[in-house]
PDB file of N, CA and C in Angstrom:
ATOM      1  N   MET A   1      -5.245  -3.766  23.628  1.00  0.00           N
ATOM      2  CA  MET A   1      -4.598  -4.002  22.349  1.00  0.00           C
ATOM      3  C   MET A   1      -5.616  -4.192  21.228  1.00  0.00           C
ATOM      4  N   GLU A   2      -6.777  -4.704  21.583  1.00  0.00           N
ATOM      5  CA  GLU A   2      -7.807  -4.933  20.560  1.00  0.00           C
ATOM      6  C   GLU A   2      -8.210  -3.618  19.890  1.00  0.00           C
ATOM      7  N   ALA A   3      -8.415  -2.585  20.703  1.00  0.00           N
ATOM      8  CA  ALA A   3      -8.805  -1.286  20.139  1.00  0.00           C
ATOM      9  C   ALA A   3      -7.699  -0.730  19.242  1.00  0.00           C
ATOM     10  N   ALA A   4      -6.446  -0.875  19.656  1.00  0.00           N
ATOM     11  CA  ALA A   4      -5.325  -0.394  18.843  1.00  0.00           C
ATOM     12  C   ALA A   4      -5.264  -1.149  17.521  1.00  0.00           C
ATOM     13  N   ALA A   5      -5.479  -2.467  17.570  1.00  0.00           N
ATOM     14  CA  ALA A   5      -5.467  -3.262  16.331  1.00  0.00           C
ATOM     15  C   ALA A   5      -6.577  -2.799  15.394  1.00  0.00           C
ATOM     16  N   CYS A   6      -7.741  -2.510  15.944  1.00  0.00           N
ATOM     17  CA  CYS A   6      -8.858  -2.018  15.117  1.00  0.00           C
ATOM     18  C   CYS A   6      -8.530  -0.653  14.511  1.00  0.00           C
ATOM     19  N   LEU A   7      -7.922   0.215  15.312  1.00  0.00           N
ATOM     20  CA  LEU A   7      -7.543   1.532  14.814  1.00  0.00           C
ATOM     21  C   LEU A   7      -6.546   1.401  13.664  1.00  0.00           C
ATOM     22  N   PHE A   8      -5.518   0.596  13.864  1.00  0.00           N
ATOM     23  CA  PHE A   8      -4.511   0.446  12.816  1.00  0.00           C
ATOM     24  C   PHE A   8      -5.076  -0.244  11.581  1.00  0.00           C
ATOM     25  N   HIS A   9      -6.090  -1.066  11.757  1.00  0.00           N
ATOM     26  CA  HIS A   9      -6.740  -1.664  10.586  1.00  0.00           C
ATOM     27  C   HIS A   9      -7.336  -0.567   9.707  1.00  0.00           C
ATOM     28  N   GLY A  10      -7.860   0.475  10.331  1.00  0.00           N
ATOM     29  CA  GLY A  10      -8.408   1.590   9.558  1.00  0.00           C
ATOM     30  C   GLY A  10      -7.381   2.247   8.656  1.00  0.00           C
ATOM     31  N   PHE A  11      -6.127   2.194   9.064  1.00  0.00           N
ATOM     32  CA  PHE A  11      -5.035   2.787   8.280  1.00  0.00           C
ATOM     33  C   PHE A  11      -4.289   1.761   7.427  1.00  0.00           C
ATOM     34  N   SER A  12      -4.748   0.514   7.410  1.00  0.00           N
ATOM     35  CA  SER A  12      -3.955  -0.558   6.805  1.00  0.00           C
ATOM     36  C   SER A  12      -4.088  -0.694   5.291  1.00  0.00           C
ATOM     37  N   ASP A  13      -4.865   0.143   4.672  1.00  0.00           N
ATOM     38  CA  ASP A  13      -5.070   0.061   3.227  1.00  0.00           C
ATOM     39  C   ASP A  13      -4.533   1.330   2.562  1.00  0.00           C
ATOM     40  N   ARG A  14      -3.828   1.164   1.448  1.00  0.00           N
ATOM     41  CA  ARG A  14      -3.248   2.320   0.738  1.00  0.00           C
ATOM     42  C   ARG A  14      -4.308   3.353   0.362  1.00  0.00           C
ATOM     43  N   SER A  15      -5.442   2.873  -0.127  1.00  0.00           N
ATOM     44  CA  SER A  15      -6.493   3.811  -0.535  1.00  0.00           C
ATOM     45  C   SER A  15      -7.032   4.581   0.656  1.00  0.00           C
ATOM     46  N   ARG A  16      -7.203   3.919   1.800  1.00  0.00           N
ATOM     47  CA  ARG A  16      -7.672   4.633   2.986  1.00  0.00           C
ATOM     48  C   ARG A  16      -6.645   5.666   3.436  1.00  0.00           C
ATOM     49  N   LEU A  17      -5.368   5.312   3.367  1.00  0.00           N
ATOM     50  CA  LEU A  17      -4.326   6.285   3.719  1.00  0.00           C
ATOM     51  C   LEU A  17      -4.359   7.487   2.785  1.00  0.00           C
ATOM     52  N   ARG A  18      -4.560   7.241   1.513  1.00  0.00           N
ATOM     53  CA  ARG A  18      -4.638   8.346   0.552  1.00  0.00           C
ATOM     54  C   ARG A  18      -5.858   9.229   0.839  1.00  0.00           C
ATOM     55  N   ILE A  19      -6.967   8.606   1.210  1.00  0.00           N
ATOM     56  CA  ILE A  19      -8.161   9.371   1.574  1.00  0.00           C
ATOM     57  C   ILE A  19      -7.868  10.236   2.794  1.00  0.00           C
ATOM     58  N   VAL A  20      -7.237   9.648   3.800  1.00  0.00           N
ATOM     59  CA  VAL A  20      -6.894  10.397   5.013  1.00  0.00           C
ATOM     60  C   VAL A  20      -5.983  11.573   4.666  1.00  0.00           C
ATOM     61  N   GLN A  21      -5.013  11.360   3.778  1.00  0.00           N
ATOM     62  CA  GLN A  21      -4.115  12.441   3.371  1.00  0.00           C
ATOM     63  C   GLN A  21      -4.900  13.580   2.727  1.00  0.00           C
ATOM     64  N   HIS A  22      -5.868  13.253   1.894  1.00  0.00           N
ATOM     65  CA  HIS A  22      -6.674  14.303   1.256  1.00  0.00           C
ATOM     66  C   HIS A  22      -7.550  15.009   2.278  1.00  0.00           C
ATOM     67  N   LEU A  23      -8.100  14.254   3.218  1.00  0.00           N
ATOM     68  CA  LEU A  23      -8.940  14.878   4.246  1.00  0.00           C
ATOM     69  C   LEU A  23      -8.120  15.748   5.190  1.00  0.00           C
ATOM     70  N   ALA A  24      -6.819  15.499   5.279  1.00  0.00           N
ATOM     71  CA  ALA A  24      -5.947  16.358   6.092  1.00  0.00           C
ATOM     72  C   ALA A  24      -5.889  17.774   5.502  1.00  0.00           C
ATOM     73  N   LEU A  25      -6.204  17.900   4.225  1.00  0.00           N
ATOM     74  CA  LEU A  25      -6.219  19.206   3.562  1.00  0.00           C
ATOM     75  C   LEU A  25      -7.539  19.938   3.766  1.00  0.00           C
ATOM     76  N   GLY A  26      -8.549  19.220   4.233  1.00  0.00           N
ATOM     77  CA  GLY A  26      -9.860  19.811   4.457  1.00  0.00           C
ATOM     78  C   GLY A  26     -10.964  18.858   4.067  1.00  0.00           C
ATOM     79  N   GLU A  27     -12.188  19.325   4.229  1.00  0.00           N
ATOM     80  CA  GLU A  27     -13.356  18.498   3.932  1.00  0.00           C
ATOM     81  C   GLU A  27     -13.434  18.153   2.448  1.00  0.00           C
ATOM     82  N   HIS A  28     -13.977  16.965   2.176  1.00  0.00           N
ATOM     83  CA  HIS A  28     -14.179  16.522   0.795  1.00  0.00           C
ATOM     84  C   HIS A  28     -15.488  15.752   0.684  1.00  0.00           C
ATOM     85  N   ARG A  29     -16.097  15.884  -0.473  1.00  0.00           N
ATOM     86  CA  ARG A  29     -17.234  15.044  -0.830  1.00  0.00           C
ATOM     87  C   ARG A  29     -16.687  13.792  -1.506  1.00  0.00           C
ATOM     88  N   VAL A  30     -17.507  12.764  -1.587  1.00  0.00           N
ATOM     89  CA  VAL A  30     -17.077  11.525  -2.249  1.00  0.00           C
ATOM     90  C   VAL A  30     -16.650  11.816  -3.685  1.00  0.00           C
ATOM     91  N   VAL A  31     -17.413  12.641  -4.396  1.00  0.00           N
ATOM     92  CA  VAL A  31     -17.091  12.950  -5.791  1.00  0.00           C
ATOM     93  C   VAL A  31     -15.729  13.636  -5.896  1.00  0.00           C
ATOM     94  N   ASP A  32     -15.390  14.477  -4.909  1.00  0.00           N
ATOM     95  CA  ASP A  32     -14.078  15.130  -4.909  1.00  0.00           C
ATOM     96  C   ASP A  32     -12.980  14.088  -4.773  1.00  0.00           C
ATOM     97  N   LEU A  33     -13.179  13.157  -3.831  1.00  0.00           N
ATOM     98  CA  LEU A  33     -12.164  12.135  -3.579  1.00  0.00           C
ATOM     99  C   LEU A  33     -12.006  11.192  -4.769  1.00  0.00           C
ATOM    100  N   THR A  34     -13.104  10.845  -5.437  1.00  0.00           N
ATOM    101  CA  THR A  34     -12.982   9.967  -6.603  1.00  0.00           C
ATOM    102  C   THR A  34     -12.164  10.656  -7.687  1.00  0.00           C
ATOM    103  N   GLY A  35     -12.369  11.953  -7.852  1.00  0.00           N
ATOM    104  CA  GLY A  35     -11.594  12.709  -8.841  1.00  0.00           C
ATOM    105  C   GLY A  35     -10.129  12.803  -8.481  1.00  0.00           C
ATOM    106  N   HIS A  36      -9.830  13.075  -7.222  1.00  0.00           N
ATOM    107  CA  HIS A  36      -8.437  13.198  -6.787  1.00  0.00           C
ATOM    108  C   HIS A  36      -7.688  11.871  -6.848  1.00  0.00           C
ATOM    109  N   LEU A  37      -8.375  10.795  -6.486  1.00  0.00           N
ATOM    110  CA  LEU A  37      -7.703   9.505  -6.323  1.00  0.00           C
ATOM    111  C   LEU A  37      -7.828   8.586  -7.530  1.00  0.00           C
ATOM    112  N   GLY A  38      -8.746   8.896  -8.439  1.00  0.00           N
ATOM    113  CA  GLY A  38      -8.940   8.032  -9.600  1.00  0.00           C
ATOM    114  C   GLY A  38      -9.550   6.688  -9.228  1.00  0.00           C
ATOM    115  N   LEU A  39     -10.346   6.671  -8.173  1.00  0.00           N
ATOM    116  CA  LEU A  39     -10.993   5.437  -7.724  1.00  0.00           C
ATOM    117  C   LEU A  39     -12.486   5.502  -8.010  1.00  0.00           C
ATOM    118  N   ALA A  40     -13.119   4.355  -8.095  1.00  0.00           N
ATOM    119  CA  ALA A  40     -14.561   4.293  -8.311  1.00  0.00           C
ATOM    120  C   ALA A  40     -15.289   4.832  -7.081  1.00  0.00           C
ATOM    121  N   GLN A  41     -16.469   5.378  -7.305  1.00  0.00           N
ATOM    122  CA  GLN A  41     -17.271   5.924  -6.211  1.00  0.00           C
ATOM    123  C   GLN A  41     -17.551   4.855  -5.164  1.00  0.00           C
ATOM    124  N   SER A  42     -17.857   3.644  -5.604  1.00  0.00           N
ATOM    125  CA  SER A  42     -18.163   2.567  -4.659  1.00  0.00           C
ATOM    126  C   SER A  42     -16.954   2.224  -3.795  1.00  0.00           C
ATOM    127  N   THR A  43     -15.761   2.285  -4.365  1.00  0.00           N
ATOM    128  CA  THR A  43     -14.530   2.002  -3.618  1.00  0.00           C
ATOM    129  C   THR A  43     -14.287   3.081  -2.572  1.00  0.00           C
ATOM    130  N   VAL A  44     -14.408   4.336  -2.969  1.00  0.00           N
ATOM    131  CA  VAL A  44     -14.212   5.443  -2.031  1.00  0.00           C
ATOM    132  C   VAL A  44     -15.248   5.363  -0.917  1.00  0.00           C
ATOM    133  N   SER A  45     -16.494   5.105  -1.259  1.00  0.00           N
ATOM    134  CA  SER A  45     -17.555   5.015  -0.253  1.00  0.00           C
ATOM    135  C   SER A  45     -17.290   3.884   0.733  1.00  0.00           C
ATOM    136  N   ARG A  46     -16.823   2.746   0.232  1.00  0.00           N
ATOM    137  CA  ARG A  46     -16.523   1.605   1.106  1.00  0.00           C
ATOM    138  C   ARG A  46     -15.405   1.948   2.076  1.00  0.00           C
ATOM    139  N   HIS A  47     -14.346   2.603   1.585  1.00  0.00           N
ATOM    140  CA  HIS A  47     -13.236   2.990   2.454  1.00  0.00           C
ATOM    141  C   HIS A  47     -13.658   4.069   3.457  1.00  0.00           C
ATOM    142  N   LEU A  48     -14.469   5.013   3.018  1.00  0.00           N
ATOM    143  CA  LEU A  48     -14.965   6.041   3.939  1.00  0.00           C
ATOM    144  C   LEU A  48     -15.830   5.417   5.030  1.00  0.00           C
ATOM    145  N   SER A  49     -16.597   4.415   4.673  1.00  0.00           N
ATOM    146  CA  SER A  49     -17.419   3.718   5.659  1.00  0.00           C
ATOM    147  C   SER A  49     -16.550   3.068   6.728  1.00  0.00           C
ATOM    148  N   CYS A  50     -15.452   2.446   6.320  1.00  0.00           N
ATOM    149  CA  CYS A  50     -14.511   1.838   7.264  1.00  0.00           C
ATOM    150  C   CYS A  50     -13.904   2.906   8.163  1.00  0.00           C
ATOM    151  N   LEU A  51     -13.459   3.996   7.575  1.00  0.00           N
ATOM    152  CA  LEU A  51     -12.854   5.086   8.354  1.00  0.00           C
ATOM    153  C   LEU A  51     -13.865   5.715   9.308  1.00  0.00           C
ATOM    154  N   LEU A  52     -15.104   5.795   8.881  1.00  0.00           N
ATOM    155  CA  LEU A  52     -16.172   6.324   9.734  1.00  0.00           C
ATOM    156  C   LEU A  52     -16.436   5.378  10.908  1.00  0.00           C
ATOM    157  N   ASP A  53     -16.511   4.083  10.602  1.00  0.00           N
ATOM    158  CA  ASP A  53     -16.731   3.078  11.650  1.00  0.00           C
ATOM    159  C   ASP A  53     -15.598   3.068  12.668  1.00  0.00           C
ATOM    160  N   CYS A  54     -14.381   3.351  12.221  1.00  0.00           N
ATOM    161  CA  CYS A  54     -13.210   3.372  13.107  1.00  0.00           C
ATOM    162  C   CYS A  54     -13.094   4.681  13.885  1.00  0.00           C
ATOM    163  N   GLY A  55     -13.942   5.656  13.580  1.00  0.00           N
ATOM    164  CA  GLY A  55     -13.884   6.935  14.265  1.00  0.00           C
ATOM    165  C   GLY A  55     -12.788   7.854  13.761  1.00  0.00           C
ATOM    166  N   ILE A  56     -12.251   7.548  12.587  1.00  0.00           N
ATOM    167  CA  ILE A  56     -11.166   8.343  12.015  1.00  0.00           C
ATOM    168  C   ILE A  56     -11.717   9.553  11.261  1.00  0.00           C
ATOM    169  N   VAL A  57     -12.904   9.410  10.659  1.00  0.00           N
ATOM    170  CA  VAL A  57     -13.528  10.512   9.933  1.00  0.00           C
ATOM    171  C   VAL A  57     -14.925  10.773  10.478  1.00  0.00           C
ATOM    172  N   THR A  58     -15.440  11.938  10.135  1.00  0.00           N
ATOM    173  CA  THR A  58     -16.824  12.304  10.423  1.00  0.00           C
ATOM    174  C   THR A  58     -17.508  12.616   9.096  1.00  0.00           C
ATOM    175  N   VAL A  59     -18.815  12.661   9.125  1.00  0.00           N
ATOM    176  CA  VAL A  59     -19.577  12.996   7.925  1.00  0.00           C
ATOM    177  C   VAL A  59     -20.710  13.928   8.324  1.00  0.00           C
ATOM    178  N   ARG A  60     -21.005  14.853   7.428  1.00  0.00           N
ATOM    179  CA  ARG A  60     -22.148  15.743   7.619  1.00  0.00           C
ATOM    180  C   ARG A  60     -22.828  15.941   6.271  1.00  0.00           C
ATOM    181  N   ALA A  61     -24.115  16.166   6.339  1.00  0.00           N
ATOM    182  CA  ALA A  61     -24.884  16.394   5.119  1.00  0.00           C
ATOM    183  C   ALA A  61     -24.714  17.835   4.674  1.00  0.00           C
ATOM    184  N   GLN A  62     -24.569  18.000   3.362  1.00  0.00           N
ATOM    185  CA  GLN A  62     -24.539  19.330   2.748  1.00  0.00           C
ATOM    186  C   GLN A  62     -25.404  19.229   1.497  1.00  0.00           C
ATOM    187  N   GLY A  63     -26.651  19.627   1.642  1.00  0.00           N
ATOM    188  CA  GLY A  63     -27.599  19.418   0.550  1.00  0.00           C
ATOM    189  C   GLY A  63     -27.801  17.923   0.362  1.00  0.00           C
ATOM    190  N   ARG A  64     -27.621  17.458  -0.869  1.00  0.00           N
ATOM    191  CA  ARG A  64     -27.750  16.027  -1.143  1.00  0.00           C
ATOM    192  C   ARG A  64     -26.427  15.297  -0.998  1.00  0.00           C
ATOM    193  N   ALA A  65     -25.363  16.009  -0.766  1.00  0.00           N
ATOM    194  CA  ALA A  65     -24.034  15.398  -0.673  1.00  0.00           C
ATOM    195  C   ALA A  65     -23.652  15.136   0.785  1.00  0.00           C
ATOM    196  N   SER A  66     -22.744  14.218   0.964  1.00  0.00           N
ATOM    197  CA  SER A  66     -22.132  13.964   2.267  1.00  0.00           C
ATOM    198  C   SER A  66     -20.714  14.508   2.218  1.00  0.00           C
ATOM    199  N   VAL A  67     -20.350  15.246   3.259  1.00  0.00           N
ATOM    200  CA  VAL A  67     -19.029  15.865   3.329  1.00  0.00           C
ATOM    201  C   VAL A  67     -18.250  15.201   4.459  1.00  0.00           C
ATOM    202  N   TYR A  68     -17.064  14.711   4.136  1.00  0.00           N
ATOM    203  CA  TYR A  68     -16.234  13.975   5.090  1.00  0.00           C
ATOM    204  C   TYR A  68     -15.074  14.840   5.557  1.00  0.00           C
ATOM    205  N   ALA A  69     -14.682  14.628   6.806  1.00  0.00           N
ATOM    206  CA  ALA A  69     -13.553  15.341   7.400  1.00  0.00           C
ATOM    207  C   ALA A  69     -12.884  14.417   8.410  1.00  0.00           C
ATOM    208  N   LEU A  70     -11.643  14.724   8.752  1.00  0.00           N
ATOM    209  CA  LEU A  70     -10.974  13.977   9.807  1.00  0.00           C
ATOM    210  C   LEU A  70     -11.660  14.279  11.133  1.00  0.00           C
ATOM    211  N   ALA A  71     -11.900  13.259  11.930  1.00  0.00           N
ATOM    212  CA  ALA A  71     -12.553  13.433  13.224  1.00  0.00           C
ATOM    213  C   ALA A  71     -11.618  14.125  14.221  1.00  0.00           C
ATOM    214  N   HIS A  72     -10.352  13.781  14.162  1.00  0.00           N
ATOM    215  CA  HIS A  72      -9.344  14.327  15.084  1.00  0.00           C
ATOM    216  C   HIS A  72      -8.089  14.665  14.272  1.00  0.00           C
ATOM    217  N   PRO A  73      -8.125  15.777  13.536  1.00  0.00           N
ATOM    218  CA  PRO A  73      -7.047  16.075  12.597  1.00  0.00           C
ATOM    219  C   PRO A  73      -5.663  16.140  13.235  1.00  0.00           C
ATOM    220  N   GLU A  74      -5.523  16.806  14.376  1.00  0.00           N
ATOM    221  CA  GLU A  74      -4.193  16.941  14.982  1.00  0.00           C
ATOM    222  C   GLU A  74      -3.635  15.591  15.399  1.00  0.00           C
ATOM    223  N   ALA A  75      -4.452  14.766  16.028  1.00  0.00           N
ATOM    224  CA  ALA A  75      -3.999  13.448  16.475  1.00  0.00           C
ATOM    225  C   ALA A  75      -3.685  12.545  15.281  1.00  0.00           C
ATOM    226  N   THR A  76      -4.509  12.634  14.237  1.00  0.00           N
ATOM    227  CA  THR A  76      -4.280  11.811  13.046  1.00  0.00           C
ATOM    228  C   THR A  76      -2.975  12.213  12.369  1.00  0.00           C
ATOM    229  N   LEU A  77      -2.735  13.510  12.232  1.00  0.00           N
ATOM    230  CA  LEU A  77      -1.485  13.970  11.617  1.00  0.00           C
ATOM    231  C   LEU A  77      -0.284  13.608  12.483  1.00  0.00           C
ATOM    232  N   ALA A  78      -0.432  13.649  13.793  1.00  0.00           N
ATOM    233  CA  ALA A  78       0.662  13.244  14.686  1.00  0.00           C
ATOM    234  C   ALA A  78       0.960  11.758  14.524  1.00  0.00           C
ATOM    235  N   LEU A  79      -0.084  10.941  14.406  1.00  0.00           N
ATOM    236  CA  LEU A  79       0.111   9.502  14.210  1.00  0.00           C
ATOM    237  C   LEU A  79       0.804   9.224  12.884  1.00  0.00           C
ATOM    238  N   LEU A  80       0.369   9.883  11.828  1.00  0.00           N
ATOM    239  CA  LEU A  80       0.994   9.681  10.515  1.00  0.00           C
ATOM    240  C   LEU A  80       2.443  10.159  10.527  1.00  0.00           C
ATOM    241  N   GLY A  81       2.728  11.254  11.230  1.00  0.00           N
ATOM    242  CA  GLY A  81       4.104  11.740  11.353  1.00  0.00           C
ATOM    243  C   GLY A  81       4.967  10.744  12.106  1.00  0.00           C
ATOM    244  N   ALA A  82       4.420  10.162  13.175  1.00  0.00           N
ATOM    245  CA  ALA A  82       5.163   9.150  13.923  1.00  0.00           C
ATOM    246  C   ALA A  82       5.417   7.921  13.057  1.00  0.00           C
ATOM    247  N   ALA A  83       4.439   7.549  12.247  1.00  0.00           N
ATOM    248  CA  ALA A  83       4.613   6.408  11.339  1.00  0.00           C
ATOM    249  C   ALA A  83       5.734   6.690  10.339  1.00  0.00           C
ATOM    250  N   GLU A  84       5.789   7.906   9.811  1.00  0.00           N
ATOM    251  CA  GLU A  84       6.860   8.262   8.873  1.00  0.00           C
ATOM    252  C   GLU A  84       8.224   8.188   9.541  1.00  0.00           C
ATOM    253  N   ARG A  85       8.315   8.640  10.791  1.00  0.00           N
ATOM    254  CA  ARG A  85       9.588   8.564  11.522  1.00  0.00           C
ATOM    255  C   ARG A  85       9.997   7.109  11.745  1.00  0.00           C
ATOM    256  N   LEU A  86       9.047   6.266  12.140  1.00  0.00           N
ATOM    257  CA  LEU A  86       9.341   4.852  12.355  1.00  0.00           C
ATOM    258  C   LEU A  86       9.741   4.176  11.054  1.00  0.00           C
ATOM    259  N   LEU A  87       9.070   4.510   9.966  1.00  0.00           N
ATOM    260  CA  LEU A  87       9.433   3.949   8.663  1.00  0.00           C
ATOM    261  C   LEU A  87      10.850   4.359   8.270  1.00  0.00           C
ATOM    262  N   GLY A  88      11.217   5.586   8.583  1.00  0.00           N
ATOM    263  CA  GLY A  88      12.574   6.043   8.302  1.00  0.00           C
ATOM    264  C   GLY A  88      13.606   5.242   9.077  1.00  0.00           C
ATOM    265  N   LEU A  89      13.261   4.864  10.294  1.00  0.00           N
ATOM    266  CA  LEU A  89      14.179   4.064  11.120  1.00  0.00           C
ATOM    267  C   LEU A  89      14.213   2.601  10.702  1.00  0.00           C
ATOM    268  N   ALA A  90      13.053   2.073  10.302  1.00  0.00           N
ATOM    269  CA  ALA A  90      12.963   0.661   9.932  1.00  0.00           C
ATOM    270  C   ALA A  90      13.523   0.397   8.539  1.00  0.00           C
ATOM    271  N   GLY A  91      13.557   1.421   7.712  1.00  0.00           N
ATOM    272  CA  GLY A  91      14.102   1.276   6.369  1.00  0.00           C
ATOM    273  C   GLY A  91      13.335   0.268   5.535  1.00  0.00           C
ATOM    274  N   ASP A  92      14.066  -0.557   4.801  1.00  0.00           N
ATOM    275  CA  ASP A  92      13.460  -1.514   3.880  1.00  0.00           C
ATOM    276  C   ASP A  92      12.805  -2.696   4.573  1.00  0.00           C
ATOM    277  N   ALA A  93      13.025  -2.851   5.873  1.00  0.00           N
ATOM    278  CA  ALA A  93      12.476  -4.007   6.575  1.00  0.00           C
ATOM    279  C   ALA A  93      10.956  -4.086   6.424  1.00  0.00           C
ATOM    280  N   VAL A  94      10.286  -2.963   6.439  1.00  0.00           N
ATOM    281  CA  VAL A  94       8.828  -2.952   6.342  1.00  0.00           C
ATOM    282  C   VAL A  94       8.374  -3.459   4.976  1.00  0.00           C
ATOM    283  N   THR A  95       8.965  -2.950   3.916  1.00  0.00           N
ATOM    284  CA  THR A  95       8.529  -3.364   2.581  1.00  0.00           C
ATOM    285  C   THR A  95       9.001  -4.767   2.237  1.00  0.00           C
ATOM    286  N   LEU A  96      10.027  -5.249   2.921  1.00  0.00           N
ATOM    287  CA  LEU A  96      10.517  -6.595   2.671  1.00  0.00           C
ATOM    288  C   LEU A  96       9.870  -7.647   3.575  1.00  0.00           C
ATOM    289  N   CYS A  97       9.009  -7.221   4.477  1.00  0.00           N
ATOM    290  CA  CYS A  97       8.345  -8.125   5.413  1.00  0.00           C
ATOM    291  C   CYS A  97       7.612  -9.216   4.630  1.00  0.00           C
ATOM    292  N   PRO A  98       7.861 -10.493   4.920  1.00  0.00           N
ATOM    293  CA  PRO A  98       7.205 -11.565   4.189  1.00  0.00           C
ATOM    294  C   PRO A  98       5.698 -11.639   4.435  1.00  0.00           C
ATOM    295  N   GLN A  99       5.223 -11.073   5.531  1.00  0.00           N
ATOM    296  CA  GLN A  99       3.791 -11.112   5.840  1.00  0.00           C
ATOM    297  C   GLN A  99       3.015  -9.959   5.195  1.00  0.00           C
ATOM    298  N   HIS A 100       3.566  -8.758   5.255  1.00  0.00           N
ATOM    299  CA  HIS A 100       2.792  -7.588   4.821  1.00  0.00           C
ATOM    300  C   HIS A 100       3.535  -6.680   3.845  1.00  0.00           C
ATOM    301  N   GLY A 101       4.734  -7.037   3.457  1.00  0.00           N
ATOM    302  CA  GLY A 101       5.508  -6.208   2.540  1.00  0.00           C
ATOM    303  C   GLY A 101       5.031  -6.358   1.107  1.00  0.00           C
ATOM    304  N   LYS A 102       5.818  -5.830   0.196  1.00  0.00           N
ATOM    305  CA  LYS A 102       5.450  -5.844  -1.225  1.00  0.00           C
ATOM    306  C   LYS A 102       5.196  -7.249  -1.741  1.00  0.00           C
ATOM    307  N   THR A 103       5.960  -8.232  -1.249  1.00  0.00           N
ATOM    308  CA  THR A 103       5.803  -9.590  -1.727  1.00  0.00           C
ATOM    309  C   THR A 103       4.859 -10.419  -0.865  1.00  0.00           C
ATOM    310  N   GLY A 104       4.449  -9.880   0.307  1.00  0.00           N
ATOM    311  CA  GLY A 104       3.538 -10.593   1.203  1.00  0.00           C
ATOM    312  C   GLY A 104       2.104 -10.329   0.828  1.00  0.00           C
ATOM    313  N   SER A 105       1.209 -10.957   1.559  1.00  0.00           N
ATOM    314  CA  SER A 105      -0.223 -10.724   1.318  1.00  0.00           C
ATOM    315  C   SER A 105      -0.656  -9.475   2.043  1.00  0.00           C
ATOM    316  N   SER A 106      -1.423  -8.614   1.362  1.00  0.00           N
ATOM    317  CA  SER A 106      -1.873  -7.355   1.966  1.00  0.00           C
ATOM    318  C   SER A 106      -3.311  -7.453   2.370  1.00  0.00           C
TER     319      SER A 106
END
């Protein structure tokens, strides 16, 4: 369960989820992601570091830039699809959760 909790922590932030969604479309540099997401470079880099540490993304050098991609695109997309199905079944309960919902601490 510890490994699963660590994996889900990688997906537990909205910005990281948005990064993963963009990487599902293909490889991106940090500068590309900052432009797409409207986030600071330091914020994107911090989230990419977390995703890299969790094994969710990979990185490769391209000249002076680092290019990020999903480490396991099919499995990641399957997990996100399963999450969408579960959210559809759970309805508002997730967003109303006193611990992690809109009014809870994130």
